[in-house]
Amino acid sequence: MTAMPTPQDLQSEVGVAADVPTLSVRTVWISDLHLGTPGCQAKALLDFLRDVECETLYLVGDIIDGWQLKRSWYWPQAHNDVVQKLLRKARKGTRVIFIPGNHDEFARKYLAHNFGGVDVMEEAVHVTADGKRLWITHGDLYDGVIQCARWLAIAGDLAYEFTLKVNRWFNHIRAKLGLPYWSLSRYLKHKVKRAVSYINEFENAVAREAKKRGAHGVVCGHIHHAEIREIDGVLYCNDGDWVESLTALVEHFDGRLEIIDRGDQAALPGMLPAPKSQPVPLTLPVPVPAAAQAVAPDTVT
């Protein structure tokens, strides 16, 4: 006679089932998790990490929000679960590369080190399955506000944090009314002229730098705006964030790039969804100078 399973056995089986990947890809890029802040969507992120299996995982900056943690400590169990899941992926054979951003700039002291199977690098060059060379950077070094007026960047971060607090209160009421989630800050990014201009200037700046380096394209984060498009013959890819848009960039085994959107699709009018994942044809083959070849050669996958 077969023994009845205990609650512990059932819990273990559920845990194993939850970790069965449903998406297998060659490469994944995620950034702007902002672990250590109330705005981090850690549960949705953990679900995504359980669902995806990849050969290489790039953590493209602002993974842990050191700015926020300095102001006040916030580290719930869900955030610890995300870190443990990332380390577990590294132990199981996924190559995990961490490229620090401005919010976790403390990690730039440990470039070229490996922690728990995670390689810490300033930047990287990734070669896709179909031969495109992609320069990987968080992007804050090409943000004029951060480089020229750090105090203004910190003030902007505080304003953004306040907007997220208002947004959580607002959506708490909406949830009670049975209405879908709505992002105030994402709405403002698409409606305020200065914000739109800032995003365009940033995108153009990193695309120019990628072209100077002889890369076919660039993958970055920083501005919490997921997109794949061509800028002056350069493939510009932004993997978005896990505070509002809940997006990641993936490379399929044939080299195709796609934005995975795990956010709420039931957006209100005026809130733009993450751009559709359409491969952007390259109009010009960009030669690769020797200087570009010298950038993190051991990051080629």
C-alpha atoms as a PDB file:
ATOM      1  CA  MET A   1       0.000   0.000   0.000  1.00  0.00           C
ATOM      2  CA  THR A   2       1.426   3.364  -1.044  1.00  0.00           C
ATOM      3  CA  ALA A   3       2.043   5.783   1.792  1.00  0.00           C
ATOM      4  CA  MET A   4       0.207   9.105   1.695  1.00  0.00           C
ATOM      5  CA  PRO A   5       2.506  12.040   0.866  1.00  0.00           C
ATOM      6  CA  THR A   6       3.257  14.391   3.708  1.00  0.00           C
ATOM      7  CA  PRO A   7       2.738  18.184   3.413  1.00  0.00           C
ATOM      8  CA  GLN A   8       6.524  18.501   3.226  1.00  0.00           C
ATOM      9  CA  ASP A   9       6.620  16.092   0.267  1.00  0.00           C
ATOM     10  CA  LEU A  10       3.905  18.039  -1.530  1.00  0.00           C
ATOM     11  CA  GLN A  11       5.682  21.321  -0.895  1.00  0.00           C
ATOM     12  CA  SER A  12       8.900  19.847  -2.272  1.00  0.00           C
ATOM     13  CA  GLU A  13       7.125  18.593  -5.397  1.00  0.00           C
ATOM     14  CA  VAL A  14       5.533  22.003  -5.971  1.00  0.00           C
ATOM     15  CA  GLY A  15       8.932  23.650  -5.603  1.00  0.00           C
ATOM     16  CA  VAL A  16      10.482  21.295  -8.171  1.00  0.00           C
ATOM     17  CA  ALA A  17       7.624  21.855 -10.610  1.00  0.00           C
ATOM     18  CA  ALA A  18       7.915  25.614 -10.209  1.00  0.00           C
ATOM     19  CA  ASP A  19      11.554  25.448 -11.272  1.00  0.00           C
ATOM     20  CA  VAL A  20      10.903  23.549 -14.523  1.00  0.00           C
ATOM     21  CA  PRO A  21      11.925  26.017 -17.310  1.00  0.00           C
ATOM     22  CA  THR A  22       9.319  26.856 -19.932  1.00  0.00           C
ATOM     23  CA  LEU A  23      11.586  29.073 -22.060  1.00  0.00           C
ATOM     24  CA  SER A  24      14.969  27.900 -23.361  1.00  0.00           C
ATOM     25  CA  VAL A  25      17.169  30.533 -25.003  1.00  0.00           C
ATOM     26  CA  ARG A  26      20.840  31.133 -25.696  1.00  0.00           C
ATOM     27  CA  THR A  27      21.252  34.398 -23.766  1.00  0.00           C
ATOM     28  CA  VAL A  28      19.277  36.561 -21.337  1.00  0.00           C
ATOM     29  CA  TRP A  29      19.896  40.198 -20.378  1.00  0.00           C
ATOM     30  CA  ILE A  30      18.166  41.747 -17.354  1.00  0.00           C
ATOM     31  CA  SER A  31      18.925  45.001 -15.560  1.00  0.00           C
ATOM     32  CA  ASP A  32      17.558  47.562 -13.130  1.00  0.00           C
ATOM     33  CA  LEU A  33      16.188  45.031 -10.667  1.00  0.00           C
ATOM     34  CA  HIS A  34      16.732  47.526  -7.815  1.00  0.00           C
ATOM     35  CA  LEU A  35      16.850  44.867  -5.131  1.00  0.00           C
ATOM     36  CA  GLY A  36      16.712  46.638  -1.785  1.00  0.00           C
ATOM     37  CA  THR A  37      13.843  48.943  -2.723  1.00  0.00           C
ATOM     38  CA  PRO A  38      10.070  48.566  -2.193  1.00  0.00           C
ATOM     39  CA  GLY A  39       9.588  49.140  -5.922  1.00  0.00           C
ATOM     40  CA  CYS A  40      11.429  45.969  -6.956  1.00  0.00           C
ATOM     41  CA  GLN A  41       9.027  43.381  -8.403  1.00  0.00           C
ATOM     42  CA  ALA A  42      10.977  40.504  -6.862  1.00  0.00           C
ATOM     43  CA  LYS A  43       8.208  37.894  -7.052  1.00  0.00           C
ATOM     44  CA  ALA A  44       7.614  38.445 -10.771  1.00  0.00           C
ATOM     45  CA  LEU A  45      11.372  38.413 -11.339  1.00  0.00           C
ATOM     46  CA  LEU A  46      11.776  35.143  -9.445  1.00  0.00           C
ATOM     47  CA  ASP A  47       8.974  33.599 -11.520  1.00  0.00           C
ATOM     48  CA  PHE A  48      10.770  34.671 -14.701  1.00  0.00           C
ATOM     49  CA  LEU A  49      14.116  33.272 -13.531  1.00  0.00           C
ATOM     50  CA  ARG A  50      12.417  29.955 -12.768  1.00  0.00           C
ATOM     51  CA  ASP A  51      10.775  29.888 -16.192  1.00  0.00           C
ATOM     52  CA  VAL A  52      13.873  30.648 -18.278  1.00  0.00           C
ATOM     53  CA  GLU A  53      16.906  28.516 -19.048  1.00  0.00           C
ATOM     54  CA  CYS A  54      19.934  29.990 -20.811  1.00  0.00           C
ATOM     55  CA  GLU A  55      23.622  29.480 -21.516  1.00  0.00           C
ATOM     56  CA  THR A  56      24.605  33.028 -20.527  1.00  0.00           C
ATOM     57  CA  LEU A  57      22.860  35.497 -18.219  1.00  0.00           C
ATOM     58  CA  TYR A  58      23.946  39.135 -18.199  1.00  0.00           C
ATOM     59  CA  LEU A  59      23.060  41.293 -15.188  1.00  0.00           C
ATOM     60  CA  VAL A  60      23.326  44.718 -16.807  1.00  0.00           C
ATOM     61  CA  GLY A  61      23.570  46.995 -13.780  1.00  0.00           C
ATOM     62  CA  ASP A  62      21.453  48.404 -10.953  1.00  0.00           C
ATOM     63  CA  ILE A  63      20.897  44.902  -9.639  1.00  0.00           C
ATOM     64  CA  ILE A  64      21.212  45.965  -5.979  1.00  0.00           C
ATOM     65  CA  ASP A  65      20.220  49.547  -5.187  1.00  0.00           C
ATOM     66  CA  GLY A  66      23.063  50.775  -2.989  1.00  0.00           C
ATOM     67  CA  TRP A  67      21.727  54.343  -3.058  1.00  0.00           C
ATOM     68  CA  GLN A  68      18.455  53.317  -1.437  1.00  0.00           C
ATOM     69  CA  LEU A  69      20.064  50.922   1.048  1.00  0.00           C
ATOM     70  CA  LYS A  70      22.311  53.732   2.285  1.00  0.00           C
ATOM     71  CA  ARG A  71      19.250  55.842   3.034  1.00  0.00           C
ATOM     72  CA  SER A  72      17.230  53.080   4.722  1.00  0.00           C
ATOM     73  CA  TRP A  73      17.630  49.310   4.903  1.00  0.00           C
ATOM     74  CA  TYR A  74      15.021  47.282   3.054  1.00  0.00           C
ATOM     75  CA  TRP A  75      15.703  43.620   2.264  1.00  0.00           C
ATOM     76  CA  PRO A  76      12.718  41.233   2.431  1.00  0.00           C
ATOM     77  CA  GLN A  77      13.001  37.485   1.907  1.00  0.00           C
ATOM     78  CA  ALA A  78      11.851  37.742  -1.716  1.00  0.00           C
ATOM     79  CA  HIS A  79      14.944  39.810  -2.554  1.00  0.00           C
ATOM     80  CA  ASN A  80      17.167  37.237  -0.924  1.00  0.00           C
ATOM     81  CA  ASP A  81      15.387  34.525  -2.943  1.00  0.00           C
ATOM     82  CA  VAL A  82      16.287  36.335  -6.183  1.00  0.00           C
ATOM     83  CA  VAL A  83      19.973  36.469  -5.222  1.00  0.00           C
ATOM     84  CA  GLN A  84      19.932  32.787  -4.288  1.00  0.00           C
ATOM     85  CA  LYS A  85      18.261  31.896  -7.585  1.00  0.00           C
ATOM     86  CA  LEU A  86      20.938  33.766  -9.546  1.00  0.00           C
ATOM     87  CA  LEU A  87      23.702  31.974  -7.637  1.00  0.00           C
ATOM     88  CA  ARG A  88      21.944  28.660  -8.185  1.00  0.00           C
ATOM     89  CA  LYS A  89      21.875  29.253 -11.940  1.00  0.00           C
ATOM     90  CA  ALA A  90      25.626  29.931 -11.843  1.00  0.00           C
ATOM     91  CA  ARG A  91      26.228  26.696  -9.899  1.00  0.00           C
ATOM     92  CA  LYS A  92      24.166  24.723 -12.418  1.00  0.00           C
ATOM     93  CA  GLY A  93      26.271  25.836 -15.381  1.00  0.00           C
ATOM     94  CA  THR A  94      24.803  29.131 -16.584  1.00  0.00           C
ATOM     95  CA  ARG A  95      27.499  31.710 -17.189  1.00  0.00           C
ATOM     96  CA  VAL A  96      26.443  34.747 -15.132  1.00  0.00           C
ATOM     97  CA  ILE A  97      28.108  38.097 -15.875  1.00  0.00           C
ATOM     98  CA  PHE A  98      27.441  41.121 -13.667  1.00  0.00           C
ATOM     99  CA  ILE A  99      28.114  44.582 -15.115  1.00  0.00           C
ATOM    100  CA  PRO A 100      27.581  47.164 -12.333  1.00  0.00           C
ATOM    101  CA  GLY A 101      25.554  50.333 -12.859  1.00  0.00           C
ATOM    102  CA  ASN A 102      25.359  53.623 -11.007  1.00  0.00           C
ATOM    103  CA  HIS A 103      23.113  52.310  -8.206  1.00  0.00           C
ATOM    104  CA  ASP A 104      25.447  49.380  -7.509  1.00  0.00           C
ATOM    105  CA  GLU A 105      28.657  51.218  -8.380  1.00  0.00           C
ATOM    106  CA  PHE A 106      30.209  49.822  -5.178  1.00  0.00           C
ATOM    107  CA  ALA A 107      30.722  46.592  -7.147  1.00  0.00           C
ATOM    108  CA  ARG A 108      33.077  48.379  -9.550  1.00  0.00           C
ATOM    109  CA  LYS A 109      35.742  47.944  -6.873  1.00  0.00           C
ATOM    110  CA  TYR A 110      35.632  44.210  -7.623  1.00  0.00           C
ATOM    111  CA  LEU A 111      36.014  44.147 -11.408  1.00  0.00           C
ATOM    112  CA  ALA A 112      37.614  40.962 -12.770  1.00  0.00           C
ATOM    113  CA  HIS A 113      36.603  39.068  -9.620  1.00  0.00           C
ATOM    114  CA  ASN A 114      34.281  36.066  -9.421  1.00  0.00           C
ATOM    115  CA  PHE A 115      31.791  35.716  -6.569  1.00  0.00           C
ATOM    116  CA  GLY A 116      29.864  32.458  -6.279  1.00  0.00           C
ATOM    117  CA  GLY A 117      30.281  31.810 -10.000  1.00  0.00           C
ATOM    118  CA  VAL A 118      29.314  35.359 -11.008  1.00  0.00           C
ATOM    119  CA  ASP A 119      31.906  37.283 -13.039  1.00  0.00           C
ATOM    120  CA  VAL A 120      32.054  41.027 -12.317  1.00  0.00           C
ATOM    121  CA  MET A 121      33.040  43.095 -15.387  1.00  0.00           C
ATOM    122  CA  GLU A 122      32.972  46.750 -16.331  1.00  0.00           C
ATOM    123  CA  GLU A 123      31.575  45.950 -19.793  1.00  0.00           C
ATOM    124  CA  ALA A 124      31.497  43.035 -22.207  1.00  0.00           C
ATOM    125  CA  VAL A 125      31.279  42.069 -25.852  1.00  0.00           C
ATOM    126  CA  HIS A 126      28.816  39.358 -26.785  1.00  0.00           C
ATOM    127  CA  VAL A 127      28.729  37.581 -30.156  1.00  0.00           C
ATOM    128  CA  THR A 128      25.293  36.321 -31.135  1.00  0.00           C
ATOM    129  CA  ALA A 129      24.674  33.008 -32.863  1.00  0.00           C
ATOM    130  CA  ASP A 130      24.383  34.812 -36.219  1.00  0.00           C
ATOM    131  CA  GLY A 131      27.626  36.755 -35.741  1.00  0.00           C
ATOM    132  CA  LYS A 132      26.529  40.167 -34.433  1.00  0.00           C
ATOM    133  CA  ARG A 133      28.930  41.754 -31.967  1.00  0.00           C
ATOM    134  CA  LEU A 134      27.008  43.451 -29.155  1.00  0.00           C
ATOM    135  CA  TRP A 135      28.664  45.812 -26.695  1.00  0.00           C
ATOM    136  CA  ILE A 136      27.172  45.366 -23.208  1.00  0.00           C
ATOM    137  CA  THR A 137      27.100  48.307 -20.785  1.00  0.00           C
ATOM    138  CA  HIS A 138      24.702  49.565 -18.133  1.00  0.00           C
ATOM    139  CA  GLY A 139      24.723  52.992 -19.771  1.00  0.00           C
ATOM    140  CA  ASP A 140      25.102  55.398 -16.845  1.00  0.00           C
ATOM    141  CA  LEU A 141      28.560  56.448 -18.071  1.00  0.00           C
ATOM    142  CA  TYR A 142      26.842  57.952 -21.128  1.00  0.00           C
ATOM    143  CA  ASP A 143      24.191  59.790 -19.138  1.00  0.00           C
ATOM    144  CA  GLY A 144      25.111  63.477 -19.083  1.00  0.00           C
ATOM    145  CA  VAL A 145      23.094  64.181 -15.942  1.00  0.00           C
ATOM    146  CA  ILE A 146      24.911  61.568 -13.866  1.00  0.00           C
ATOM    147  CA  GLN A 147      28.352  62.459 -15.188  1.00  0.00           C
ATOM    148  CA  CYS A 148      28.004  66.242 -14.961  1.00  0.00           C
ATOM    149  CA  ALA A 149      25.657  66.786 -12.015  1.00  0.00           C
ATOM    150  CA  ARG A 150      25.609  63.859  -9.601  1.00  0.00           C
ATOM    151  CA  TRP A 151      23.550  65.836  -7.078  1.00  0.00           C
ATOM    152  CA  LEU A 152      20.867  66.261  -9.752  1.00  0.00           C
ATOM    153  CA  ALA A 153      20.861  62.512 -10.418  1.00  0.00           C
ATOM    154  CA  ILE A 154      20.377  61.821  -6.700  1.00  0.00           C
ATOM    155  CA  ALA A 155      17.587  64.406  -6.532  1.00  0.00           C
ATOM    156  CA  GLY A 156      15.972  62.771  -9.547  1.00  0.00           C
ATOM    157  CA  ASP A 157      16.247  59.384  -7.868  1.00  0.00           C
ATOM    158  CA  LEU A 158      14.465  60.723  -4.784  1.00  0.00           C
ATOM    159  CA  ALA A 159      11.735  62.176  -6.979  1.00  0.00           C
ATOM    160  CA  TYR A 160      11.389  58.836  -8.776  1.00  0.00           C
ATOM    161  CA  GLU A 161      11.160  57.021  -5.442  1.00  0.00           C
ATOM    162  CA  PHE A 162       8.396  59.409  -4.353  1.00  0.00           C
ATOM    163  CA  THR A 163       6.541  58.807  -7.628  1.00  0.00           C
ATOM    164  CA  LEU A 164       6.701  55.054  -7.041  1.00  0.00           C
ATOM    165  CA  LYS A 165       5.296  55.500  -3.507  1.00  0.00           C
ATOM    166  CA  VAL A 166       2.391  57.540  -4.861  1.00  0.00           C
ATOM    167  CA  ASN A 167       1.926  54.944  -7.575  1.00  0.00           C
ATOM    168  CA  ARG A 168       1.727  52.085  -5.042  1.00  0.00           C
ATOM    169  CA  TRP A 169      -0.905  53.952  -3.020  1.00  0.00           C
ATOM    170  CA  PHE A 170      -2.842  54.794  -6.186  1.00  0.00           C
ATOM    171  CA  ASN A 171      -2.772  51.192  -7.450  1.00  0.00           C
ATOM    172  CA  HIS A 172      -3.775  49.858  -4.050  1.00  0.00           C
ATOM    173  CA  ILE A 173      -7.032  51.773  -4.473  1.00  0.00           C
ATOM    174  CA  ARG A 174      -7.341  50.650  -8.106  1.00  0.00           C
ATOM    175  CA  ALA A 175      -6.924  47.001  -7.058  1.00  0.00           C
ATOM    176  CA  LYS A 176      -9.804  47.366  -4.557  1.00  0.00           C
ATOM    177  CA  LEU A 177     -11.924  48.731  -7.391  1.00  0.00           C
ATOM    178  CA  GLY A 178     -10.976  45.793  -9.613  1.00  0.00           C
ATOM    179  CA  LEU A 179      -8.968  47.953 -12.017  1.00  0.00           C
ATOM    180  CA  PRO A 180      -5.638  46.896 -13.595  1.00  0.00           C
ATOM    181  CA  TYR A 181      -2.190  48.196 -12.625  1.00  0.00           C
ATOM    182  CA  TRP A 182      -1.200  51.561 -14.054  1.00  0.00           C
ATOM    183  CA  SER A 183       2.278  53.094 -13.944  1.00  0.00           C
ATOM    184  CA  LEU A 184       2.397  56.832 -13.322  1.00  0.00           C
ATOM    185  CA  SER A 185       6.120  57.189 -13.961  1.00  0.00           C
ATOM    186  CA  ARG A 186       5.953  55.142 -17.155  1.00  0.00           C
ATOM    187  CA  TYR A 187       3.099  57.339 -18.337  1.00  0.00           C
ATOM    188  CA  LEU A 188       5.102  60.497 -17.593  1.00  0.00           C
ATOM    189  CA  LYS A 189       8.143  59.162 -19.473  1.00  0.00           C
ATOM    190  CA  HIS A 190       6.075  58.946 -22.626  1.00  0.00           C
ATOM    191  CA  LYS A 191       4.137  62.196 -22.155  1.00  0.00           C
ATOM    192  CA  VAL A 192       6.571  64.742 -20.685  1.00  0.00           C
ATOM    193  CA  LYS A 193       8.554  66.336 -23.492  1.00  0.00           C
ATOM    194  CA  ARG A 194      11.752  66.700 -21.472  1.00  0.00           C
ATOM    195  CA  ALA A 195      11.660  63.034 -20.432  1.00  0.00           C
ATOM    196  CA  VAL A 196      11.179  61.925 -24.049  1.00  0.00           C
ATOM    197  CA  SER A 197      14.093  64.141 -25.099  1.00  0.00           C
ATOM    198  CA  TYR A 198      16.301  62.701 -22.331  1.00  0.00           C
ATOM    199  CA  ILE A 199      15.571  59.136 -23.459  1.00  0.00           C
ATOM    200  CA  ASN A 200      16.317  59.981 -27.102  1.00  0.00           C
ATOM    201  CA  GLU A 201      19.607  61.680 -26.206  1.00  0.00           C
ATOM    202  CA  PHE A 202      20.677  58.700 -24.118  1.00  0.00           C
ATOM    203  CA  GLU A 203      19.827  56.194 -26.848  1.00  0.00           C
ATOM    204  CA  ASN A 204      21.720  58.181 -29.460  1.00  0.00           C
ATOM    205  CA  ALA A 205      24.752  58.562 -27.180  1.00  0.00           C
ATOM    206  CA  VAL A 206      25.190  54.841 -26.489  1.00  0.00           C
ATOM    207  CA  ALA A 207      24.521  53.973 -30.144  1.00  0.00           C
ATOM    208  CA  ARG A 208      27.260  56.419 -31.246  1.00  0.00           C
ATOM    209  CA  GLU A 209      29.671  54.883 -28.750  1.00  0.00           C
ATOM    210  CA  ALA A 210      28.875  51.376 -29.977  1.00  0.00           C
ATOM    211  CA  LYS A 211      29.576  52.461 -33.548  1.00  0.00           C
ATOM    212  CA  LYS A 212      32.888  54.038 -32.493  1.00  0.00           C
ATOM    213  CA  ARG A 213      33.848  50.718 -30.907  1.00  0.00           C
ATOM    214  CA  GLY A 214      33.102  48.849 -34.118  1.00  0.00           C
ATOM    215  CA  ALA A 215      30.198  46.892 -32.643  1.00  0.00           C
ATOM    216  CA  HIS A 216      27.091  45.936 -34.581  1.00  0.00           C
ATOM    217  CA  GLY A 217      24.928  46.888 -31.636  1.00  0.00           C
ATOM    218  CA  VAL A 218      24.630  47.716 -27.957  1.00  0.00           C
ATOM    219  CA  VAL A 219      22.685  46.223 -25.059  1.00  0.00           C
ATOM    220  CA  CYS A 220      22.078  48.493 -22.061  1.00  0.00           C
ATOM    221  CA  GLY A 221      19.612  49.328 -19.318  1.00  0.00           C
ATOM    222  CA  HIS A 222      19.581  52.393 -17.035  1.00  0.00           C
ATOM    223  CA  ILE A 223      16.566  54.330 -18.373  1.00  0.00           C
ATOM    224  CA  HIS A 224      13.868  51.697 -17.602  1.00  0.00           C
ATOM    225  CA  HIS A 225      12.623  51.759 -21.194  1.00  0.00           C
ATOM    226  CA  ALA A 226      12.760  48.467 -23.101  1.00  0.00           C
ATOM    227  CA  GLU A 227      13.293  48.765 -26.828  1.00  0.00           C
ATOM    228  CA  ILE A 228      14.904  47.186 -29.883  1.00  0.00           C
ATOM    229  CA  ARG A 229      15.519  49.483 -32.820  1.00  0.00           C
ATOM    230  CA  GLU A 230      18.123  50.629 -35.293  1.00  0.00           C
ATOM    231  CA  ILE A 231      19.898  53.952 -34.739  1.00  0.00           C
ATOM    232  CA  ASP A 232      22.157  55.102 -37.573  1.00  0.00           C
ATOM    233  CA  GLY A 233      22.943  51.529 -38.621  1.00  0.00           C
ATOM    234  CA  VAL A 234      23.515  50.349 -35.031  1.00  0.00           C
ATOM    235  CA  LEU A 235      21.258  47.863 -33.279  1.00  0.00           C
ATOM    236  CA  TYR A 236      20.113  49.522 -30.044  1.00  0.00           C
ATOM    237  CA  CYS A 237      18.704  47.148 -27.414  1.00  0.00           C
ATOM    238  CA  ASN A 238      17.498  48.120 -23.959  1.00  0.00           C
ATOM    239  CA  ASP A 239      16.337  45.335 -21.655  1.00  0.00           C
ATOM    240  CA  GLY A 240      14.071  47.587 -19.555  1.00  0.00           C
ATOM    241  CA  ASP A 241      13.641  47.034 -15.810  1.00  0.00           C
ATOM    242  CA  TRP A 242      11.967  45.026 -13.019  1.00  0.00           C
ATOM    243  CA  VAL A 243      10.346  47.936 -11.224  1.00  0.00           C
ATOM    244  CA  GLU A 244       7.699  48.971 -13.742  1.00  0.00           C
ATOM    245  CA  SER A 245       7.953  47.328 -17.154  1.00  0.00           C
ATOM    246  CA  LEU A 246       9.080  43.825 -16.039  1.00  0.00           C
ATOM    247  CA  THR A 247      11.026  43.131 -19.207  1.00  0.00           C
ATOM    248  CA  ALA A 248      14.070  41.172 -20.318  1.00  0.00           C
ATOM    249  CA  LEU A 249      16.011  40.836 -23.555  1.00  0.00           C
ATOM    250  CA  VAL A 250      16.686  37.323 -24.862  1.00  0.00           C
ATOM    251  CA  GLU A 251      18.669  35.836 -27.712  1.00  0.00           C
ATOM    252  CA  HIS A 252      17.249  32.732 -29.349  1.00  0.00           C
ATOM    253  CA  PHE A 253      19.505  29.962 -30.615  1.00  0.00           C
ATOM    254  CA  ASP A 254      19.386  31.341 -34.160  1.00  0.00           C
ATOM    255  CA  GLY A 255      20.565  34.794 -32.979  1.00  0.00           C
ATOM    256  CA  ARG A 256      17.181  36.523 -33.019  1.00  0.00           C
ATOM    257  CA  LEU A 257      16.695  39.096 -30.263  1.00  0.00           C
ATOM    258  CA  GLU A 258      13.380  39.562 -28.492  1.00  0.00           C
ATOM    259  CA  ILE A 259      11.996  41.583 -25.589  1.00  0.00           C
ATOM    260  CA  ILE A 260      10.097  39.413 -23.117  1.00  0.00           C
ATOM    261  CA  ASP A 261       7.382  41.446 -21.403  1.00  0.00           C
ATOM    262  CA  ARG A 262       6.172  39.950 -18.109  1.00  0.00           C
ATOM    263  CA  GLY A 263       4.254  43.062 -17.098  1.00  0.00           C
ATOM    264  CA  ASP A 264       0.514  43.542 -16.983  1.00  0.00           C
ATOM    265  CA  GLN A 265      -0.740  43.727 -20.552  1.00  0.00           C
ATOM    266  CA  ALA A 266      -4.043  45.277 -19.474  1.00  0.00           C
ATOM    267  CA  ALA A 267      -2.676  48.804 -19.613  1.00  0.00           C
ATOM    268  CA  LEU A 268      -4.853  51.872 -19.532  1.00  0.00           C
ATOM    269  CA  PRO A 269      -5.030  54.263 -22.501  1.00  0.00           C
ATOM    270  CA  GLY A 270      -2.014  56.533 -22.479  1.00  0.00           C
ATOM    271  CA  MET A 271       0.344  53.931 -21.016  1.00  0.00           C
ATOM    272  CA  LEU A 272       2.489  52.466 -23.764  1.00  0.00           C
ATOM    273  CA  PRO A 273       3.374  48.782 -23.566  1.00  0.00           C
ATOM    274  CA  ALA A 274       6.906  47.511 -24.079  1.00  0.00           C
ATOM    275  CA  PRO A 275       7.838  47.642 -27.784  1.00  0.00           C
ATOM    276  CA  LYS A 276       7.141  44.542 -29.819  1.00  0.00           C
ATOM    277  CA  SER A 277      10.152  42.330 -30.323  1.00  0.00           C
ATOM    278  CA  GLN A 278      11.005  42.679 -34.008  1.00  0.00           C
ATOM    279  CA  PRO A 279      14.528  41.861 -35.207  1.00  0.00           C
ATOM    280  CA  VAL A 280      16.067  44.997 -36.697  1.00  0.00           C
ATOM    281  CA  PRO A 281      18.005  44.406 -39.944  1.00  0.00           C
ATOM    282  CA  LEU A 282      21.481  45.888 -39.981  1.00  0.00           C
ATOM    283  CA  THR A 283      22.030  48.093 -42.998  1.00  0.00           C
ATOM    284  CA  LEU A 284      25.804  48.295 -42.665  1.00  0.00           C
ATOM    285  CA  PRO A 285      28.336  45.642 -41.683  1.00  0.00           C
ATOM    286  CA  VAL A 286      30.518  47.442 -39.164  1.00  0.00           C
ATOM    287  CA  PRO A 287      34.239  46.603 -39.207  1.00  0.00           C
ATOM    288  CA  VAL A 288      35.713  45.601 -35.863  1.00  0.00           C
ATOM    289  CA  PRO A 289      38.842  47.614 -34.953  1.00  0.00           C
ATOM    290  CA  ALA A 290      41.602  46.165 -32.794  1.00  0.00           C
ATOM    291  CA  ALA A 291      40.567  48.453 -29.935  1.00  0.00           C
ATOM    292  CA  ALA A 292      37.127  46.878 -29.807  1.00  0.00           C
ATOM    293  CA  GLN A 293      38.600  43.393 -29.831  1.00  0.00           C
ATOM    294  CA  ALA A 294      40.512  44.243 -26.680  1.00  0.00           C
ATOM    295  CA  VAL A 295      37.341  44.898 -24.703  1.00  0.00           C
ATOM    296  CA  ALA A 296      36.617  41.973 -22.375  1.00  0.00           C
ATOM    297  CA  PRO A 297      37.581  39.291 -24.935  1.00  0.00           C
ATOM    298  CA  ASP A 298      36.762  36.520 -22.454  1.00  0.00           C
ATOM    299  CA  THR A 299      33.091  37.566 -22.435  1.00  0.00           C
ATOM    300  CA  VAL A 300      32.426  36.300 -25.950  1.00  0.00           C
ATOM    301  CA  THR A 301      29.949  33.421 -25.801  1.00  0.00           C
END
